[in-house]
Amino acid sequence: MAVLESGMLRGLWQTPATNMGSVLRTSQKLPRARPARVTMGLGLKHPHSPNDPFLAKLAAAASTEMGKAQLAGARSDSDGPPLLDILTNPVMMAAPAQVERTSGYNEHRPRRPPPDLPSLLLHSRIVYIGMPLVPAVTELVIAELLYLQYADPRQPIYVYINSTGTSRADGETVGLETEGFAIYDTLMNVRNQIQTVAVGAAIGQACLLLASGDKGMRYMMPHATAMIQQPRLPSTGQMSAIDVHIRAKELINNRDTLVGLLAKHTGNPYEKVAKVMQRPFYMNPKKAVEFGVADKILWRGQEAMAETMKTEDWDKGAGIRVVERSASNGAGDSGLG
């Protein structure tokens, strides 16, 4: 930006009126700076560039007591701008300028990127498992559980599950059984109350996570599906026979562990769970509640209706005794004793 020196400004002040038109046209061609506001001691506000050293010094000088006095006593018939005399006084020129920028079009632009959806859910203490249990998903879920316990160990954690476990819907294995066991151990380790909700599907290890919620706090949506099955051996490729045998033995150990945990959380005998797991065992919400994987079905408004006491039970709990009167006291009469 062009800077007007004191000599140039004095020359413009003394320019005849006939040449002022050309001066104005020339000034319009100068580059324009972003609007700003200079706060002076006189309470005046002049739009100018905050990088203009001349006007910055001028504003600083005018903000002092000596500058105010000189401006008040300046004569209007002077042959030059009266403010230029202030520049010759080193005492008045020592005060700094006070510059305030005006608000621009980007004043309300966010200073940081907006949070993603999992972060917003985490703020409401909701952990959503919506993918197969691969290492990346396991890492995120465990980190969220540990963070929610650190934030407040007294508030419940809501785990929404829509996962096919360690395999995809077509049956192909995409993760190890240890991924599900890692999340399960974390759920058992945190001190918070765990409420699990099945939305869509809870298959294999995901069904174990559904059953691992606190008793009475395991829910299923009306059209969700739960399924338990035996663990699957990942693709062996060109492994040797002994390596395949070792992995098969480890797979059997994982199956026995899974059966034991399901028997613990469902309340069924170990033999019953092992028998139904010989083949894929699908359960709709009603069947899942009967088997012990879930506790309640989240129909819209049904929870409040299901927990409403009957009139007789309410009277009994309140200590009200209903006395049936004989027909001699009036046909059909009844009263409260």
C-alpha atoms as a PDB file:
ATOM      1  CA  MET A   1       0.000   0.000   0.000  1.00  0.00           C
ATOM      2  CA  ALA A   2       1.180   3.510  -0.794  1.00  0.00           C
ATOM      3  CA  VAL A   3       2.242   5.531   2.250  1.00  0.00           C
ATOM      4  CA  LEU A   4       1.554   9.282   2.277  1.00  0.00           C
ATOM      5  CA  GLU A   5       4.521  11.187   3.709  1.00  0.00           C
ATOM      6  CA  SER A   6       4.086  14.515   5.410  1.00  0.00           C
ATOM      7  CA  GLY A   7       5.445  16.411   2.397  1.00  0.00           C
ATOM      8  CA  MET A   8       3.024  14.720   0.042  1.00  0.00           C
ATOM      9  CA  LEU A   9       0.092  15.452   2.351  1.00  0.00           C
ATOM     10  CA  ARG A  10       1.106  19.100   2.678  1.00  0.00           C
ATOM     11  CA  GLY A  11       1.224  19.330  -1.125  1.00  0.00           C
ATOM     12  CA  LEU A  12      -2.262  17.901  -1.437  1.00  0.00           C
ATOM     13  CA  TRP A  13      -3.494  20.395   1.143  1.00  0.00           C
ATOM     14  CA  GLN A  14      -2.142  23.303  -0.908  1.00  0.00           C
ATOM     15  CA  THR A  15      -3.416  21.984  -4.277  1.00  0.00           C
ATOM     16  CA  PRO A  16      -5.796  24.470  -5.996  1.00  0.00           C
ATOM     17  CA  ALA A  17      -9.445  23.520  -6.180  1.00  0.00           C
ATOM     18  CA  THR A  18      -9.249  23.268  -9.987  1.00  0.00           C
ATOM     19  CA  ASN A  19      -6.870  20.297  -9.717  1.00  0.00           C
ATOM     20  CA  MET A  20      -8.732  18.465  -6.945  1.00  0.00           C
ATOM     21  CA  GLY A  21     -10.752  16.457  -9.464  1.00  0.00           C
ATOM     22  CA  SER A  22      -7.613  14.854 -10.863  1.00  0.00           C
ATOM     23  CA  VAL A  23      -6.346  14.215  -7.341  1.00  0.00           C
ATOM     24  CA  LEU A  24      -9.561  12.399  -6.431  1.00  0.00           C
ATOM     25  CA  ARG A  25      -9.420  10.307  -9.579  1.00  0.00           C
ATOM     26  CA  THR A  26      -5.836   9.375  -8.784  1.00  0.00           C
ATOM     27  CA  SER A  27      -6.678   8.437  -5.196  1.00  0.00           C
ATOM     28  CA  GLN A  28      -9.387   6.078  -6.389  1.00  0.00           C
ATOM     29  CA  LYS A  29      -6.766   4.062  -8.244  1.00  0.00           C
ATOM     30  CA  LEU A  30      -4.723   3.419  -5.114  1.00  0.00           C
ATOM     31  CA  PRO A  31      -5.011  -0.147  -3.677  1.00  0.00           C
ATOM     32  CA  ARG A  32      -7.620  -0.436  -0.985  1.00  0.00           C
ATOM     33  CA  ALA A  33      -6.822  -2.141   2.328  1.00  0.00           C
ATOM     34  CA  ARG A  34      -9.193  -4.098   4.483  1.00  0.00           C
ATOM     35  CA  PRO A  35     -11.343  -1.727   6.591  1.00  0.00           C
ATOM     36  CA  ALA A  36     -10.126  -1.049  10.081  1.00  0.00           C
ATOM     37  CA  ARG A  37     -10.905   1.359  12.873  1.00  0.00           C
ATOM     38  CA  VAL A  38      -8.505   3.599  14.793  1.00  0.00           C
ATOM     39  CA  THR A  39      -9.600   4.601  18.252  1.00  0.00           C
ATOM     40  CA  MET A  40      -8.231   8.062  19.094  1.00  0.00           C
ATOM     41  CA  GLY A  41      -8.328  10.028  22.267  1.00  0.00           C
ATOM     42  CA  LEU A  42     -10.844  12.418  20.691  1.00  0.00           C
ATOM     43  CA  GLY A  43     -13.351   9.622  20.167  1.00  0.00           C
ATOM     44  CA  LEU A  44     -13.046   9.936  16.356  1.00  0.00           C
ATOM     45  CA  LYS A  45     -12.949   6.849  14.152  1.00  0.00           C
ATOM     46  CA  HIS A  46     -11.339   7.059  10.712  1.00  0.00           C
ATOM     47  CA  PRO A  47     -11.252   4.143   8.229  1.00  0.00           C
ATOM     48  CA  HIS A  48      -7.695   3.447   7.147  1.00  0.00           C
ATOM     49  CA  SER A  49      -5.191   0.673   6.827  1.00  0.00           C
ATOM     50  CA  PRO A  50      -3.677  -0.393  10.187  1.00  0.00           C
ATOM     51  CA  ASN A  51      -0.358  -0.788   8.378  1.00  0.00           C
ATOM     52  CA  ASP A  52      -0.168   2.903   7.405  1.00  0.00           C
ATOM     53  CA  PRO A  53       2.659   4.306   9.595  1.00  0.00           C
ATOM     54  CA  PHE A  54       1.663   7.933   9.073  1.00  0.00           C
ATOM     55  CA  LEU A  55      -1.908   7.574  10.275  1.00  0.00           C
ATOM     56  CA  ALA A  56      -0.833   5.209  13.055  1.00  0.00           C
ATOM     57  CA  LYS A  57       1.547   7.831  14.438  1.00  0.00           C
ATOM     58  CA  LEU A  58      -1.076  10.500  13.940  1.00  0.00           C
ATOM     59  CA  ALA A  59      -3.644   8.550  15.958  1.00  0.00           C
ATOM     60  CA  ALA A  60      -1.126   7.883  18.714  1.00  0.00           C
ATOM     61  CA  ALA A  61      -0.191  11.525  18.979  1.00  0.00           C
ATOM     62  CA  ALA A  62      -3.811  12.652  19.008  1.00  0.00           C
ATOM     63  CA  SER A  63      -4.600  10.304  21.887  1.00  0.00           C
ATOM     64  CA  THR A  64      -2.281  12.139  24.296  1.00  0.00           C
ATOM     65  CA  GLU A  65      -3.239  15.131  26.445  1.00  0.00           C
ATOM     66  CA  MET A  66      -0.770  17.357  24.619  1.00  0.00           C
ATOM     67  CA  GLY A  67      -2.243  16.331  21.283  1.00  0.00           C
ATOM     68  CA  LYS A  68      -5.758  17.088  22.448  1.00  0.00           C
ATOM     69  CA  ALA A  69      -4.698  20.556  23.540  1.00  0.00           C
ATOM     70  CA  GLN A  70      -2.948  21.245  20.236  1.00  0.00           C
ATOM     71  CA  LEU A  71      -5.943  20.072  18.240  1.00  0.00           C
ATOM     72  CA  ALA A  72      -8.272  22.237  20.307  1.00  0.00           C
ATOM     73  CA  GLY A  73      -6.109  25.318  19.701  1.00  0.00           C
ATOM     74  CA  ALA A  74      -5.404  24.692  16.022  1.00  0.00           C
ATOM     75  CA  ARG A  75      -6.338  27.572  13.746  1.00  0.00           C
ATOM     76  CA  SER A  76      -8.609  26.956  10.810  1.00  0.00           C
ATOM     77  CA  ASP A  77      -6.784  29.534   8.627  1.00  0.00           C
ATOM     78  CA  SER A  78      -3.499  27.662   8.738  1.00  0.00           C
ATOM     79  CA  ASP A  79      -1.821  27.054   5.356  1.00  0.00           C
ATOM     80  CA  GLY A  80      -1.292  23.351   6.180  1.00  0.00           C
ATOM     81  CA  PRO A  81      -2.972  20.565   8.047  1.00  0.00           C
ATOM     82  CA  PRO A  82      -2.641  21.315  11.795  1.00  0.00           C
ATOM     83  CA  LEU A  83      -2.060  17.659  12.650  1.00  0.00           C
ATOM     84  CA  LEU A  84       1.262  17.678  10.799  1.00  0.00           C
ATOM     85  CA  ASP A  85       2.766  19.855  13.534  1.00  0.00           C
ATOM     86  CA  ILE A  86       2.267  17.067  16.019  1.00  0.00           C
ATOM     87  CA  LEU A  87       4.760  14.900  14.140  1.00  0.00           C
ATOM     88  CA  THR A  88       7.604  17.237  15.072  1.00  0.00           C
ATOM     89  CA  ASN A  89       7.106  16.643  18.817  1.00  0.00           C
ATOM     90  CA  PRO A  90       8.971  13.459  19.894  1.00  0.00           C
ATOM     91  CA  VAL A  91       7.121  13.277  23.232  1.00  0.00           C
ATOM     92  CA  MET A  92       3.704  13.083  21.659  1.00  0.00           C
ATOM     93  CA  MET A  93       4.873  10.670  18.977  1.00  0.00           C
ATOM     94  CA  ALA A  94       6.003   8.134  21.600  1.00  0.00           C
ATOM     95  CA  ALA A  95       2.438   6.901  22.348  1.00  0.00           C
ATOM     96  CA  PRO A  96       1.418   3.695  20.526  1.00  0.00           C
ATOM     97  CA  ALA A  97      -1.561   3.575  18.199  1.00  0.00           C
ATOM     98  CA  GLN A  98      -4.680   1.651  19.175  1.00  0.00           C
ATOM     99  CA  VAL A  99      -6.071  -0.250  16.195  1.00  0.00           C
ATOM    100  CA  GLU A 100      -9.295  -2.264  16.242  1.00  0.00           C
ATOM    101  CA  ARG A 101     -10.196  -4.339  13.223  1.00  0.00           C
ATOM    102  CA  THR A 102     -13.791  -4.367  12.115  1.00  0.00           C
ATOM    103  CA  SER A 103     -15.655  -7.652  11.737  1.00  0.00           C
ATOM    104  CA  GLY A 104     -15.311  -9.198   8.305  1.00  0.00           C
ATOM    105  CA  TYR A 105     -17.316 -11.745   6.396  1.00  0.00           C
ATOM    106  CA  ASN A 106     -15.443 -14.635   8.059  1.00  0.00           C
ATOM    107  CA  GLU A 107     -16.100 -13.551  11.654  1.00  0.00           C
ATOM    108  CA  HIS A 108     -18.393 -16.504  12.363  1.00  0.00           C
ATOM    109  CA  ARG A 109     -16.299 -19.146  10.641  1.00  0.00           C
ATOM    110  CA  PRO A 110     -15.455 -22.016  13.073  1.00  0.00           C
ATOM    111  CA  ARG A 111     -11.976 -21.912  14.563  1.00  0.00           C
ATOM    112  CA  ARG A 112     -11.751 -25.725  14.456  1.00  0.00           C
ATOM    113  CA  PRO A 113     -13.363 -28.426  12.303  1.00  0.00           C
ATOM    114  CA  PRO A 114     -16.760 -29.658  13.511  1.00  0.00           C
ATOM    115  CA  PRO A 115     -16.804 -32.955  15.409  1.00  0.00           C
ATOM    116  CA  ASP A 116     -17.699 -36.141  13.564  1.00  0.00           C
ATOM    117  CA  LEU A 117     -20.774 -38.191  14.378  1.00  0.00           C
ATOM    118  CA  PRO A 118     -19.031 -40.785  16.622  1.00  0.00           C
ATOM    119  CA  SER A 119     -17.699 -37.914  18.730  1.00  0.00           C
ATOM    120  CA  LEU A 120     -21.199 -36.476  19.128  1.00  0.00           C
ATOM    121  CA  LEU A 121     -22.516 -39.892  20.170  1.00  0.00           C
ATOM    122  CA  LEU A 122     -19.619 -40.286  22.589  1.00  0.00           C
ATOM    123  CA  HIS A 123     -20.610 -36.977  24.181  1.00  0.00           C
ATOM    124  CA  SER A 124     -23.970 -38.634  24.991  1.00  0.00           C
ATOM    125  CA  ARG A 125     -22.126 -41.712  26.335  1.00  0.00           C
ATOM    126  CA  ILE A 126     -23.179 -43.860  23.364  1.00  0.00           C
ATOM    127  CA  VAL A 127     -20.795 -46.404  21.847  1.00  0.00           C
ATOM    128  CA  TYR A 128     -21.969 -47.665  18.461  1.00  0.00           C
ATOM    129  CA  ILE A 129     -20.586 -50.921  17.029  1.00  0.00           C
ATOM    130  CA  GLY A 130     -21.762 -50.943  13.417  1.00  0.00           C
ATOM    131  CA  MET A 131     -19.081 -53.007  11.667  1.00  0.00           C
ATOM    132  CA  PRO A 132     -17.520 -56.459  11.932  1.00  0.00           C
ATOM    133  CA  LEU A 133     -15.050 -56.778  14.782  1.00  0.00           C
ATOM    134  CA  VAL A 134     -11.824 -56.038  12.965  1.00  0.00           C
ATOM    135  CA  PRO A 135      -8.769 -54.613  14.816  1.00  0.00           C
ATOM    136  CA  ALA A 136      -9.585 -50.982  13.933  1.00  0.00           C
ATOM    137  CA  VAL A 137     -13.125 -51.287  15.318  1.00  0.00           C
ATOM    138  CA  THR A 138     -11.893 -53.045  18.455  1.00  0.00           C
ATOM    139  CA  GLU A 139      -9.323 -50.325  19.091  1.00  0.00           C
ATOM    140  CA  LEU A 140     -11.906 -47.549  18.785  1.00  0.00           C
ATOM    141  CA  VAL A 141     -14.532 -49.264  20.954  1.00  0.00           C
ATOM    142  CA  ILE A 142     -12.089 -50.054  23.756  1.00  0.00           C
ATOM    143  CA  ALA A 143     -10.729 -46.511  23.693  1.00  0.00           C
ATOM    144  CA  GLU A 144     -14.256 -45.079  23.953  1.00  0.00           C
ATOM    145  CA  LEU A 145     -15.162 -47.367  26.856  1.00  0.00           C
ATOM    146  CA  LEU A 146     -12.028 -46.451  28.783  1.00  0.00           C
ATOM    147  CA  TYR A 147     -12.561 -42.752  28.116  1.00  0.00           C
ATOM    148  CA  LEU A 148     -16.185 -42.846  29.317  1.00  0.00           C
ATOM    149  CA  GLN A 149     -15.096 -44.576  32.516  1.00  0.00           C
ATOM    150  CA  TYR A 150     -12.408 -41.925  33.021  1.00  0.00           C
ATOM    151  CA  ALA A 151     -14.901 -39.104  32.357  1.00  0.00           C
ATOM    152  CA  ASP A 152     -17.481 -40.349  34.866  1.00  0.00           C
ATOM    153  CA  PRO A 153     -17.465 -43.881  36.323  1.00  0.00           C
ATOM    154  CA  ARG A 154     -20.941 -43.403  37.827  1.00  0.00           C
ATOM    155  CA  GLN A 155     -22.872 -42.721  34.628  1.00  0.00           C
ATOM    156  CA  PRO A 156     -24.079 -45.642  32.455  1.00  0.00           C
ATOM    157  CA  ILE A 157     -22.604 -46.492  29.065  1.00  0.00           C
ATOM    158  CA  TYR A 158     -24.975 -47.306  26.198  1.00  0.00           C
ATOM    159  CA  VAL A 159     -23.606 -49.814  23.668  1.00  0.00           C
ATOM    160  CA  TYR A 160     -25.590 -50.075  20.420  1.00  0.00           C
ATOM    161  CA  ILE A 161     -24.716 -53.193  18.425  1.00  0.00           C
ATOM    162  CA  ASN A 162     -25.263 -53.882  14.731  1.00  0.00           C
ATOM    163  CA  SER A 163     -22.431 -56.221  13.892  1.00  0.00           C
ATOM    164  CA  THR A 164     -21.813 -59.620  12.329  1.00  0.00           C
ATOM    165  CA  GLY A 165     -19.025 -60.349  14.796  1.00  0.00           C
ATOM    166  CA  THR A 166     -15.688 -61.558  13.495  1.00  0.00           C
ATOM    167  CA  SER A 167     -17.160 -62.611  10.141  1.00  0.00           C
ATOM    168  CA  ARG A 168     -19.054 -60.912   7.364  1.00  0.00           C
ATOM    169  CA  ALA A 169     -22.636 -61.594   6.417  1.00  0.00           C
ATOM    170  CA  ASP A 170     -21.525 -64.125   3.795  1.00  0.00           C
ATOM    171  CA  GLY A 171     -19.618 -66.093   6.441  1.00  0.00           C
ATOM    172  CA  GLU A 172     -16.077 -65.067   5.488  1.00  0.00           C
ATOM    173  CA  THR A 173     -13.865 -64.575   8.543  1.00  0.00           C
ATOM    174  CA  VAL A 174     -12.453 -61.047   8.807  1.00  0.00           C
ATOM    175  CA  GLY A 175     -11.133 -61.014  12.385  1.00  0.00           C
ATOM    176  CA  LEU A 176      -9.889 -63.214  15.169  1.00  0.00           C
ATOM    177  CA  GLU A 177     -12.055 -64.308  18.067  1.00  0.00           C
ATOM    178  CA  THR A 178      -9.764 -62.362  20.373  1.00  0.00           C
ATOM    179  CA  GLU A 179     -11.246 -59.106  19.004  1.00  0.00           C
ATOM    180  CA  GLY A 180     -14.587 -59.915  20.602  1.00  0.00           C
ATOM    181  CA  PHE A 181     -12.974 -61.164  23.796  1.00  0.00           C
ATOM    182  CA  ALA A 182     -11.005 -57.903  24.068  1.00  0.00           C
ATOM    183  CA  ILE A 183     -14.175 -55.799  24.000  1.00  0.00           C
ATOM    184  CA  TYR A 184     -15.912 -58.220  26.370  1.00  0.00           C
ATOM    185  CA  ASP A 185     -13.099 -58.026  28.931  1.00  0.00           C
ATOM    186  CA  THR A 186     -13.173 -54.224  28.748  1.00  0.00           C
ATOM    187  CA  LEU A 187     -16.943 -54.203  29.354  1.00  0.00           C
ATOM    188  CA  MET A 188     -16.430 -56.407  32.388  1.00  0.00           C
ATOM    189  CA  ASN A 189     -13.537 -54.282  33.654  1.00  0.00           C
ATOM    190  CA  VAL A 190     -15.126 -50.816  33.573  1.00  0.00           C
ATOM    191  CA  ARG A 191     -17.047 -49.769  36.675  1.00  0.00           C
ATOM    192  CA  ASN A 192     -19.919 -48.173  34.764  1.00  0.00           C
ATOM    193  CA  GLN A 193     -23.316 -49.720  34.282  1.00  0.00           C
ATOM    194  CA  ILE A 194     -23.431 -51.253  30.782  1.00  0.00           C
ATOM    195  CA  GLN A 195     -26.671 -51.093  28.789  1.00  0.00           C
ATOM    196  CA  THR A 196     -26.632 -52.974  25.482  1.00  0.00           C
ATOM    197  CA  VAL A 197     -29.079 -52.542  22.608  1.00  0.00           C
ATOM    198  CA  ALA A 198     -29.199 -54.761  19.506  1.00  0.00           C
ATOM    199  CA  VAL A 199     -30.206 -52.896  16.357  1.00  0.00           C
ATOM    200  CA  GLY A 200     -30.148 -54.944  13.176  1.00  0.00           C
ATOM    201  CA  ALA A 201     -27.955 -57.948  13.923  1.00  0.00           C
ATOM    202  CA  ALA A 202     -25.865 -59.316  16.770  1.00  0.00           C
ATOM    203  CA  ILE A 203     -24.091 -62.379  15.426  1.00  0.00           C
ATOM    204  CA  GLY A 204     -21.382 -64.508  16.973  1.00  0.00           C
ATOM    205  CA  GLN A 205     -19.114 -62.451  19.186  1.00  0.00           C
ATOM    206  CA  ALA A 206     -21.507 -59.488  18.832  1.00  0.00           C
ATOM    207  CA  CYS A 207     -24.220 -61.640  20.441  1.00  0.00           C
ATOM    208  CA  LEU A 208     -21.854 -62.223  23.366  1.00  0.00           C
ATOM    209  CA  LEU A 209     -21.444 -58.448  23.746  1.00  0.00           C
ATOM    210  CA  LEU A 210     -25.226 -58.069  23.763  1.00  0.00           C
ATOM    211  CA  ALA A 211     -25.586 -60.689  26.496  1.00  0.00           C
ATOM    212  CA  SER A 212     -22.764 -59.167  28.567  1.00  0.00           C
ATOM    213  CA  GLY A 213     -24.768 -56.091  29.533  1.00  0.00           C
ATOM    214  CA  ASP A 214     -26.055 -55.651  33.064  1.00  0.00           C
ATOM    215  CA  LYS A 215     -29.063 -57.776  33.988  1.00  0.00           C
ATOM    216  CA  GLY A 216     -32.287 -56.019  33.098  1.00  0.00           C
ATOM    217  CA  MET A 217     -30.419 -53.599  30.817  1.00  0.00           C
ATOM    218  CA  ARG A 218     -30.094 -55.743  27.688  1.00  0.00           C
ATOM    219  CA  TYR A 219     -32.490 -54.670  24.946  1.00  0.00           C
ATOM    220  CA  MET A 220     -33.378 -55.639  21.391  1.00  0.00           C
ATOM    221  CA  MET A 221     -35.194 -53.629  18.779  1.00  0.00           C
ATOM    222  CA  PRO A 222     -38.421 -55.243  17.501  1.00  0.00           C
ATOM    223  CA  HIS A 223     -36.866 -56.437  14.225  1.00  0.00           C
ATOM    224  CA  ALA A 224     -33.313 -57.162  15.368  1.00  0.00           C
ATOM    225  CA  THR A 225     -31.745 -60.609  15.022  1.00  0.00           C
ATOM    226  CA  ALA A 226     -29.395 -62.441  17.353  1.00  0.00           C
ATOM    227  CA  MET A 227     -27.396 -65.492  16.357  1.00  0.00           C
ATOM    228  CA  ILE A 228     -24.777 -67.651  18.055  1.00  0.00           C
ATOM    229  CA  GLN A 229     -22.460 -69.957  16.142  1.00  0.00           C
ATOM    230  CA  GLN A 230     -19.168 -71.726  16.479  1.00  0.00           C
ATOM    231  CA  PRO A 231     -16.005 -69.771  15.705  1.00  0.00           C
ATOM    232  CA  ARG A 232     -14.640 -70.180  12.202  1.00  0.00           C
ATOM    233  CA  LEU A 233     -11.092 -70.957  11.177  1.00  0.00           C
ATOM    234  CA  PRO A 234      -9.587 -68.204   9.009  1.00  0.00           C
ATOM    235  CA  SER A 235      -8.142 -69.005   5.623  1.00  0.00           C
ATOM    236  CA  THR A 236      -5.127 -71.261   6.151  1.00  0.00           C
ATOM    237  CA  GLY A 237      -3.565 -70.674   2.742  1.00  0.00           C
ATOM    238  CA  GLN A 238      -0.465 -72.826   2.255  1.00  0.00           C
ATOM    239  CA  MET A 239       0.106 -73.677   5.895  1.00  0.00           C
ATOM    240  CA  SER A 240       1.625 -76.990   6.847  1.00  0.00           C
ATOM    241  CA  ALA A 241      -0.497 -79.707   8.435  1.00  0.00           C
ATOM    242  CA  ILE A 242       0.961 -79.170  11.885  1.00  0.00           C
ATOM    243  CA  ASP A 243       0.251 -75.428  11.747  1.00  0.00           C
ATOM    244  CA  VAL A 244      -3.343 -76.102  10.736  1.00  0.00           C
ATOM    245  CA  HIS A 245      -3.651 -78.541  13.637  1.00  0.00           C
ATOM    246  CA  ILE A 246      -2.317 -75.963  16.112  1.00  0.00           C
ATOM    247  CA  ARG A 247      -4.752 -73.315  14.891  1.00  0.00           C
ATOM    248  CA  ALA A 248      -7.622 -75.792  15.039  1.00  0.00           C
ATOM    249  CA  LYS A 249      -6.833 -76.553  18.678  1.00  0.00           C
ATOM    250  CA  GLU A 250      -6.798 -72.831  19.466  1.00  0.00           C
ATOM    251  CA  LEU A 251     -10.131 -72.468  17.688  1.00  0.00           C
ATOM    252  CA  ILE A 252     -11.621 -75.212  19.873  1.00  0.00           C
ATOM    253  CA  ASN A 253     -10.383 -73.410  22.983  1.00  0.00           C
ATOM    254  CA  ASN A 254     -12.038 -70.202  21.785  1.00  0.00           C
ATOM    255  CA  ARG A 255     -15.270 -72.108  21.163  1.00  0.00           C
ATOM    256  CA  ASP A 256     -15.257 -73.539  24.676  1.00  0.00           C
ATOM    257  CA  THR A 257     -14.598 -70.081  26.118  1.00  0.00           C
ATOM    258  CA  LEU A 258     -17.462 -68.614  24.094  1.00  0.00           C
ATOM    259  CA  VAL A 259     -19.848 -71.349  25.207  1.00  0.00           C
ATOM    260  CA  GLY A 260     -18.908 -70.830  28.846  1.00  0.00           C
ATOM    261  CA  LEU A 261     -19.437 -67.075  28.696  1.00  0.00           C
ATOM    262  CA  LEU A 262     -22.802 -67.416  26.945  1.00  0.00           C
ATOM    263  CA  ALA A 263     -23.900 -69.978  29.527  1.00  0.00           C
ATOM    264  CA  LYS A 264     -22.879 -67.580  32.308  1.00  0.00           C
ATOM    265  CA  HIS A 265     -24.781 -64.568  30.960  1.00  0.00           C
ATOM    266  CA  THR A 266     -27.862 -66.403  29.658  1.00  0.00           C
ATOM    267  CA  GLY A 267     -28.330 -68.651  32.674  1.00  0.00           C
ATOM    268  CA  ASN A 268     -28.489 -71.785  30.504  1.00  0.00           C
ATOM    269  CA  PRO A 269     -26.527 -74.979  31.173  1.00  0.00           C
ATOM    270  CA  TYR A 270     -23.218 -75.344  29.380  1.00  0.00           C
ATOM    271  CA  GLU A 271     -24.430 -78.439  27.536  1.00  0.00           C
ATOM    272  CA  LYS A 272     -27.512 -76.659  26.176  1.00  0.00           C
ATOM    273  CA  VAL A 273     -25.507 -73.762  24.797  1.00  0.00           C
ATOM    274  CA  ALA A 274     -22.945 -76.130  23.268  1.00  0.00           C
ATOM    275  CA  LYS A 275     -25.725 -78.128  21.609  1.00  0.00           C
ATOM    276  CA  VAL A 276     -27.504 -75.182  20.014  1.00  0.00           C
ATOM    277  CA  MET A 277     -24.173 -73.782  18.807  1.00  0.00           C
ATOM    278  CA  GLN A 278     -23.402 -76.850  16.730  1.00  0.00           C
ATOM    279  CA  ARG A 279     -25.235 -75.110  13.904  1.00  0.00           C
ATOM    280  CA  PRO A 280     -26.071 -71.386  13.502  1.00  0.00           C
ATOM    281  CA  PHE A 281     -28.797 -70.609  16.031  1.00  0.00           C
ATOM    282  CA  TYR A 282     -30.937 -67.631  14.997  1.00  0.00           C
ATOM    283  CA  MET A 283     -33.183 -65.836  17.474  1.00  0.00           C
ATOM    284  CA  ASN A 284     -35.782 -63.164  16.963  1.00  0.00           C
ATOM    285  CA  PRO A 285     -36.267 -60.711  19.858  1.00  0.00           C
ATOM    286  CA  LYS A 286     -38.890 -62.840  21.607  1.00  0.00           C
ATOM    287  CA  LYS A 287     -36.812 -65.989  21.309  1.00  0.00           C
ATOM    288  CA  ALA A 288     -33.684 -64.119  22.420  1.00  0.00           C
ATOM    289  CA  VAL A 289     -35.468 -62.982  25.590  1.00  0.00           C
ATOM    290  CA  GLU A 290     -36.529 -66.550  26.274  1.00  0.00           C
ATOM    291  CA  PHE A 291     -33.008 -67.870  25.705  1.00  0.00           C
ATOM    292  CA  GLY A 292     -31.531 -65.206  28.005  1.00  0.00           C
ATOM    293  CA  VAL A 293     -29.510 -63.166  25.497  1.00  0.00           C
ATOM    294  CA  ALA A 294     -31.705 -60.091  26.043  1.00  0.00           C
ATOM    295  CA  ASP A 295     -34.097 -58.893  28.737  1.00  0.00           C
ATOM    296  CA  LYS A 296     -36.586 -56.610  27.000  1.00  0.00           C
ATOM    297  CA  ILE A 297     -37.866 -55.652  23.575  1.00  0.00           C
ATOM    298  CA  LEU A 298     -37.879 -51.931  22.868  1.00  0.00           C
ATOM    299  CA  TRP A 299     -41.291 -51.477  21.309  1.00  0.00           C
ATOM    300  CA  ARG A 300     -42.256 -47.854  21.096  1.00  0.00           C
ATOM    301  CA  GLY A 301     -44.079 -47.013  24.322  1.00  0.00           C
ATOM    302  CA  GLN A 302     -44.302 -50.651  25.377  1.00  0.00           C
ATOM    303  CA  GLU A 303     -41.812 -50.356  28.221  1.00  0.00           C
ATOM    304  CA  ALA A 304     -44.032 -48.000  30.223  1.00  0.00           C
ATOM    305  CA  MET A 305     -47.112 -50.125  29.514  1.00  0.00           C
ATOM    306  CA  ALA A 306     -45.374 -53.365  30.469  1.00  0.00           C
ATOM    307  CA  GLU A 307     -44.279 -51.945  33.812  1.00  0.00           C
ATOM    308  CA  THR A 308     -47.711 -50.525  34.722  1.00  0.00           C
ATOM    309  CA  MET A 309     -49.177 -52.383  37.722  1.00  0.00           C
ATOM    310  CA  LYS A 310     -52.628 -53.836  37.672  1.00  0.00           C
ATOM    311  CA  THR A 311     -55.292 -52.166  39.793  1.00  0.00           C
ATOM    312  CA  GLU A 312     -55.435 -55.069  42.258  1.00  0.00           C
ATOM    313  CA  ASP A 313     -51.653 -55.124  42.693  1.00  0.00           C
ATOM    314  CA  TRP A 314     -51.548 -51.357  43.228  1.00  0.00           C
ATOM    315  CA  ASP A 315     -54.292 -51.552  45.884  1.00  0.00           C
ATOM    316  CA  LYS A 316     -52.510 -54.388  47.627  1.00  0.00           C
ATOM    317  CA  GLY A 317     -49.226 -52.522  47.696  1.00  0.00           C
ATOM    318  CA  ALA A 318     -50.956 -49.394  49.045  1.00  0.00           C
ATOM    319  CA  GLY A 319     -52.595 -51.337  51.903  1.00  0.00           C
ATOM    320  CA  ILE A 320     -56.155 -50.954  50.590  1.00  0.00           C
ATOM    321  CA  ARG A 321     -58.399 -53.914  51.340  1.00  0.00           C
ATOM    322  CA  VAL A 322     -61.351 -54.517  49.044  1.00  0.00           C
ATOM    323  CA  VAL A 323     -64.440 -55.883  50.836  1.00  0.00           C
ATOM    324  CA  GLU A 324     -67.195 -57.582  48.885  1.00  0.00           C
ATOM    325  CA  ARG A 325     -70.600 -56.861  50.402  1.00  0.00           C
ATOM    326  CA  SER A 326     -73.471 -59.332  50.423  1.00  0.00           C
ATOM    327  CA  ALA A 327     -76.484 -58.931  48.161  1.00  0.00           C
ATOM    328  CA  SER A 328     -78.692 -58.117  51.176  1.00  0.00           C
ATOM    329  CA  ASN A 329     -76.938 -54.775  51.593  1.00  0.00           C
ATOM    330  CA  GLY A 330     -77.724 -53.844  48.071  1.00  0.00           C
ATOM    331  CA  ALA A 331     -77.511 -55.632  44.803  1.00  0.00           C
ATOM    332  CA  GLY A 332     -74.139 -55.203  43.202  1.00  0.00           C
ATOM    333  CA  ASP A 333     -72.849 -52.916  45.950  1.00  0.00           C
ATOM    334  CA  SER A 334     -69.184 -53.075  46.857  1.00  0.00           C
ATOM    335  CA  GLY A 335     -67.055 -50.868  48.992  1.00  0.00           C
ATOM    336  CA  LEU A 336     -63.618 -50.323  50.430  1.00  0.00           C
ATOM    337  CA  GLY A 337     -62.884 -51.482  53.951  1.00  0.00           C
END
